C-alpha atoms as a PDB file:
ATOM      1  CA  MET A   1     161.257  -4.890  60.700  1.00  0.00           C
ATOM      2  CA  PRO A   2     160.934  -7.471  57.897  1.00  0.00           C
ATOM      3  CA  SER A   3     162.574 -10.830  58.327  1.00  0.00           C
ATOM      4  CA  ASP A   4     165.417 -12.070  56.164  1.00  0.00           C
ATOM      5  CA  GLU A   5     163.020 -14.302  54.233  1.00  0.00           C
ATOM      6  CA  GLU A   6     160.678 -11.397  53.495  1.00  0.00           C
ATOM      7  CA  LEU A   7     163.594  -9.275  52.319  1.00  0.00           C
ATOM      8  CA  ARG A   8     164.795 -12.135  50.124  1.00  0.00           C
ATOM      9  CA  GLU A   9     161.334 -12.497  48.569  1.00  0.00           C
ATOM     10  CA  LEU A  10     161.127  -8.750  47.947  1.00  0.00           C
ATOM     11  CA  ALA A  11     164.565  -8.719  46.325  1.00  0.00           C
ATOM     12  CA  HIS A  12     163.619 -11.689  44.143  1.00  0.00           C
ATOM     13  CA  LYS A  13     160.356  -9.995  43.081  1.00  0.00           C
ATOM     14  CA  THR A  14     162.170  -6.741  42.261  1.00  0.00           C
ATOM     15  CA  ALA A  15     164.840  -8.538  40.240  1.00  0.00           C
ATOM     16  CA  LYS A  16     162.185 -10.466  38.284  1.00  0.00           C
ATOM     17  CA  GLU A  17     160.255  -7.270  37.502  1.00  0.00           C
ATOM     18  CA  LYS A  18     163.432  -5.619  36.202  1.00  0.00           C
ATOM     19  CA  ALA A  19     164.360  -8.673  34.115  1.00  0.00           C
ATOM     20  CA  ASP A  20     160.824  -8.767  32.673  1.00  0.00           C
ATOM     21  CA  PHE A  21     161.089  -5.091  31.713  1.00  0.00           C
ATOM     22  CA  TYR A  22     164.446  -5.590  29.988  1.00  0.00           C
ATOM     23  CA  THR A  23     163.012  -8.572  28.083  1.00  0.00           C
ATOM     24  CA  HIS A  24     160.025  -6.461  27.023  1.00  0.00           C
ATOM     25  CA  PHE A  25     162.326  -3.630  25.902  1.00  0.00           C
ATOM     26  CA  VAL A  26     164.627  -5.887  23.858  1.00  0.00           C
ATOM     27  CA  ILE A  27     161.642  -7.497  22.116  1.00  0.00           C
ATOM     28  CA  TYR A  28     160.244  -4.011  21.440  1.00  0.00           C
ATOM     29  CA  LEU A  29     163.511  -2.929  19.830  1.00  0.00           C
ATOM     30  CA  ALA A  30     163.916  -6.118  17.787  1.00  0.00           C
ATOM     31  CA  VAL A  31     160.354  -6.135  16.436  1.00  0.00           C
ATOM     32  CA  ASN A  32     160.377  -2.439  15.576  1.00  0.00           C
ATOM     33  CA  LEU A  33     163.737  -2.696  13.821  1.00  0.00           C
ATOM     34  CA  PHE A  34     162.313  -5.613  11.839  1.00  0.00           C
ATOM     35  CA  LEU A  35     159.213  -3.581  10.930  1.00  0.00           C
ATOM     36  CA  ALA A  36     161.407  -0.657   9.854  1.00  0.00           C
ATOM     37  CA  ALA A  37     163.432  -3.031   7.674  1.00  0.00           C
ATOM     38  CA  ILE A  38     160.239  -4.358   6.074  1.00  0.00           C
ATOM     39  CA  TRP A  39     159.097  -0.804   5.360  1.00  0.00           C
ATOM     40  CA  TYR A  40     162.480   0.134   3.922  1.00  0.00           C
ATOM     41  CA  THR A  41     162.703  -2.893   1.617  1.00  0.00           C
ATOM     42  CA  THR A  42     159.101  -2.793   0.399  1.00  0.00           C
ATOM     43  CA  SER A  43     158.266   0.929   0.170  1.00  0.00           C
ATOM     44  CA  GLY A  44     161.350   2.794   1.255  1.00  0.00           C
ATOM     45  CA  PRO A  45     162.103   6.471   1.667  1.00  0.00           C
ATOM     46  CA  GLY A  46     159.634   8.813   0.050  1.00  0.00           C
ATOM     47  CA  THR A  47     156.628   6.911   1.411  1.00  0.00           C
ATOM     48  CA  PHE A  48     154.847   7.155   4.728  1.00  0.00           C
ATOM     49  CA  PRO A  49     156.814   5.296   7.435  1.00  0.00           C
ATOM     50  CA  TRP A  50     153.843   3.289   8.750  1.00  0.00           C
ATOM     51  CA  PHE A  51     155.947   1.460  11.327  1.00  0.00           C
ATOM     52  CA  VAL A  52     156.164   4.606  13.484  1.00  0.00           C
ATOM     53  CA  ILE A  53     152.481   4.204  14.401  1.00  0.00           C
ATOM     54  CA  ILE A  54     153.215   0.780  15.894  1.00  0.00           C
ATOM     55  CA  THR A  55     156.457   2.004  17.456  1.00  0.00           C
ATOM     56  CA  PHE A  56     154.690   4.944  19.114  1.00  0.00           C
ATOM     57  CA  GLY A  57     151.750   2.908  20.386  1.00  0.00           C
ATOM     58  CA  TRP A  58     153.868   0.123  21.774  1.00  0.00           C
ATOM     59  CA  GLY A  59     156.328   2.699  23.136  1.00  0.00           C
ATOM     60  CA  ILE A  60     153.594   4.051  25.393  1.00  0.00           C
ATOM     61  CA  GLY A  61     153.237   0.559  26.855  1.00  0.00           C
ATOM     62  CA  VAL A  62     156.996   0.203  27.300  1.00  0.00           C
ATOM     63  CA  ALA A  63     157.143   3.601  29.019  1.00  0.00           C
ATOM     64  CA  GLY A  64     154.342   2.582  31.361  1.00  0.00           C
ATOM     65  CA  HIS A  65     156.128  -0.670  32.129  1.00  0.00           C
ATOM     66  CA  PHE A  66     159.320   1.294  32.864  1.00  0.00           C
ATOM     67  CA  VAL A  67     157.512   3.627  35.266  1.00  0.00           C
ATOM     68  CA  SER A  68     155.841   0.735  37.074  1.00  0.00           C
ATOM     69  CA  VAL A  69     159.151  -1.077  37.588  1.00  0.00           C
ATOM     70  CA  PHE A  70     161.510   1.843  38.310  1.00  0.00           C
ATOM     71  CA  ARG A  71     159.144   4.189  40.166  1.00  0.00           C
END
């Protein structure tokens, strides 16, 4: 049976991993909303929404991060 200190360290590690994921996710949302705004103001509807390529690629990384934290 793990000691109280080991349990405390595990809880701290788990909380940090979750906080790191939420930080990653918020940055992902903010940057991709900014890229969508750039696309909308420069090219706009009727043109190829190039930001979805970045959103999709980075989204794979965010999904992997989610799985590794909340497995």
